[in-house]
Amino acid sequence: MDKQKHINLRVAKIVYEPCIHSYRKFCIVRHPYTLFISKLNGFGYAGLITKHHIDQLIAQDKHRWNIDFLHEFLGPKTEYDFIIRFENFEADYYKMLETFGLDKDKFKLIHTFKASDGARYKSIVLPDEARHRIREYCREYANRFDYEL
């Protein structure tokens, strides 16, 4: 399997089947609107975003991950030993290390790139039609991980 930045638990259960039961499983969640703004930024979008732009990103998710809605990527909360909320990333990360009994110095968080500081990221605007499409795609995910839409 090629090295990937992200892997979902459904795939991990297949790839690591012989030993997955012994792994600690965690996931990182983030508010659907900021998740889409980050994805838009990553693909070079800027300015006013339309429903069509959101549909393009959703189509990419469907193609890459074979999902129809965002919650299908992560599955149930009960599958994870720890959940990191992106908006509380540093505090949650260190709390996870403590929960798992891992050395905070050995696993020190190093975050060198912050795309949200860039002008393009800050220029992205989600009008109502784009937000509505995100809500449709992320409704169950938002409910599952306690985000208000």
Protein backbone atom coordinates (compact mmCIF):
# COMPACT_ATOMS: atom_id res chain seq x y z
CA MET A 1 0.00 0.00 0.00
CA ASP A 2 1.27 3.45 -0.87
CA LYS A 3 2.08 5.84 1.95
CA GLN A 4 -0.95 8.05 2.52
CA LYS A 5 -1.45 11.14 4.59
CA HIS A 6 -4.90 9.94 5.66
CA ILE A 7 -6.33 6.47 6.08
CA ASN A 8 -9.74 5.61 7.41
CA LEU A 9 -10.47 2.87 9.89
CA ARG A 10 -12.38 0.76 7.36
CA VAL A 11 -9.22 0.52 5.21
CA ALA A 12 -6.92 0.11 8.23
CA LYS A 13 -8.95 -2.90 9.39
CA ILE A 14 -8.20 -4.58 6.07
CA VAL A 15 -4.56 -3.55 5.67
CA TYR A 16 -3.59 -4.23 9.28
CA GLU A 17 -6.03 -7.09 9.92
CA PRO A 18 -3.59 -9.37 11.76
CA CYS A 19 -2.77 -6.77 14.42
CA ILE A 20 -5.45 -4.02 14.32
CA HIS A 21 -6.98 -5.31 17.56
CA SER A 22 -3.82 -4.32 19.44
CA TYR A 23 -3.64 -0.79 18.00
CA ARG A 24 -4.87 2.32 19.76
CA LYS A 25 -7.21 4.10 17.38
CA PHE A 26 -7.74 7.84 17.26
CA CYS A 27 -9.24 10.26 14.80
CA ILE A 28 -9.15 13.99 14.25
CA VAL A 29 -12.45 15.75 13.60
CA ARG A 30 -13.13 19.34 12.72
CA HIS A 31 -16.11 21.56 12.09
CA PRO A 32 -17.50 20.83 8.62
CA TYR A 33 -17.27 24.47 7.47
CA THR A 34 -13.61 24.85 8.42
CA LEU A 35 -12.90 21.38 7.01
CA PHE A 36 -14.26 22.48 3.63
CA ILE A 37 -12.47 25.82 3.76
CA SER A 38 -9.22 23.94 4.36
CA LYS A 39 -9.93 21.53 1.49
CA LEU A 40 -10.82 24.43 -0.80
CA ASN A 41 -7.60 26.19 0.12
CA GLY A 42 -5.61 23.03 -0.50
CA PHE A 43 -7.02 22.77 -4.01
CA GLY A 44 -6.27 26.42 -4.76
CA TYR A 45 -9.77 27.85 -4.48
CA ALA A 46 -10.18 31.44 -3.28
CA GLY A 47 -12.88 34.06 -2.88
CA LEU A 48 -16.59 33.36 -3.23
CA ILE A 49 -17.38 29.64 -3.23
CA THR A 50 -20.41 28.18 -5.00
CA LYS A 51 -22.45 25.01 -4.49
CA HIS A 52 -20.71 23.69 -7.61
CA HIS A 53 -17.30 24.01 -5.92
CA ILE A 54 -18.59 22.08 -2.89
CA ASP A 55 -20.08 19.41 -5.17
CA GLN A 56 -16.67 19.00 -6.83
CA LEU A 57 -15.01 18.32 -3.45
CA ILE A 58 -17.77 15.89 -2.47
CA ALA A 59 -17.30 14.06 -5.79
CA GLN A 60 -13.58 13.75 -5.01
CA ASP A 61 -14.40 12.24 -1.60
CA LYS A 62 -16.80 9.80 -3.25
CA HIS A 63 -14.18 8.79 -5.80
CA ARG A 64 -11.27 8.53 -3.34
CA TRP A 65 -13.04 7.05 -0.32
CA ASN A 66 -16.20 5.51 -1.85
CA ILE A 67 -18.46 7.48 0.50
CA ASP A 68 -21.73 9.36 -0.04
CA PHE A 69 -21.66 11.32 3.23
CA LEU A 70 -18.79 12.48 5.44
CA HIS A 71 -19.70 10.34 8.47
CA GLU A 72 -19.04 7.22 6.37
CA PHE A 73 -15.33 8.11 6.28
CA LEU A 74 -14.83 7.79 10.05
CA GLY A 75 -17.61 5.45 11.08
CA PRO A 76 -19.02 5.38 14.64
CA LYS A 77 -17.34 7.23 17.53
CA THR A 78 -17.22 3.98 19.47
CA GLU A 79 -14.55 2.65 17.07
CA TYR A 80 -11.98 5.07 18.50
CA ASP A 81 -10.00 5.13 21.71
CA PHE A 82 -9.57 8.89 21.46
CA ILE A 83 -10.99 11.75 19.38
CA ILE A 84 -8.99 14.92 18.78
CA ARG A 85 -10.99 18.01 17.89
CA PHE A 86 -9.02 20.13 15.42
CA GLU A 87 -10.08 23.36 17.10
CA ASN A 88 -8.50 22.06 20.35
CA PHE A 89 -5.71 20.20 18.60
CA GLU A 90 -2.73 20.85 20.86
CA ALA A 91 -4.57 20.33 24.16
CA ASP A 92 -6.36 17.23 22.85
CA TYR A 93 -3.13 15.83 21.40
CA TYR A 94 -1.33 16.01 24.73
CA LYS A 95 -4.39 14.65 26.53
CA MET A 96 -4.36 11.70 24.10
CA LEU A 97 -0.68 11.04 24.84
CA GLU A 98 -1.48 11.05 28.55
CA THR A 99 -4.47 8.75 28.04
CA PHE A 100 -2.34 6.30 26.05
CA GLY A 101 0.54 6.52 28.56
CA LEU A 102 2.96 7.96 25.98
CA ASP A 103 5.92 10.22 26.75
CA LYS A 104 5.06 13.84 25.94
CA ASP A 105 8.70 14.69 25.24
CA LYS A 106 9.21 11.76 22.90
CA PHE A 107 6.04 12.59 20.95
CA LYS A 108 6.35 16.35 21.11
CA LEU A 109 3.99 18.11 18.72
CA ILE A 110 5.77 19.88 15.89
CA HIS A 111 3.50 21.92 13.66
CA THR A 112 5.54 23.86 11.13
CA PHE A 113 2.98 24.71 8.45
CA LYS A 114 -0.25 26.56 9.06
CA ALA A 115 -2.11 27.13 5.80
CA SER A 116 -4.89 29.00 7.61
CA ASP A 117 -2.53 31.96 8.01
CA GLY A 118 -2.40 32.49 4.24
CA ALA A 119 -4.24 35.17 2.31
CA ARG A 120 -5.98 32.66 0.01
CA TYR A 121 -7.37 30.70 2.98
CA LYS A 122 -8.64 33.89 4.58
CA SER A 123 -10.26 35.01 1.30
CA ILE A 124 -12.61 32.00 1.06
CA VAL A 125 -16.26 32.91 1.56
CA LEU A 126 -19.03 30.32 1.99
CA PRO A 127 -22.40 31.80 0.97
CA ASP A 128 -25.69 30.19 2.04
CA GLU A 129 -25.94 27.84 -0.97
CA ALA A 130 -22.47 26.42 -0.27
CA ARG A 131 -23.19 26.10 3.47
CA HIS A 132 -26.47 24.34 2.69
CA ARG A 133 -24.67 21.74 0.54
CA ILE A 134 -22.05 21.20 3.27
CA ARG A 135 -24.86 20.73 5.82
CA GLU A 136 -26.49 18.06 3.62
CA TYR A 137 -23.22 16.18 3.20
CA CYS A 138 -22.10 16.52 6.83
CA ARG A 139 -25.35 16.40 8.86
CA GLU A 140 -24.76 12.97 10.46
CA TYR A 141 -21.04 13.66 10.95
CA ALA A 142 -21.91 16.93 12.73
CA ASN A 143 -24.44 15.16 14.96
CA ARG A 144 -22.04 12.31 15.69
CA PHE A 145 -19.18 14.59 16.70
CA ASP A 146 -21.25 17.34 18.35
CA TYR A 147 -20.85 20.16 15.83
CA GLU A 148 -23.57 22.73 15.21
CA LEU A 149 -24.32 23.54 11.59
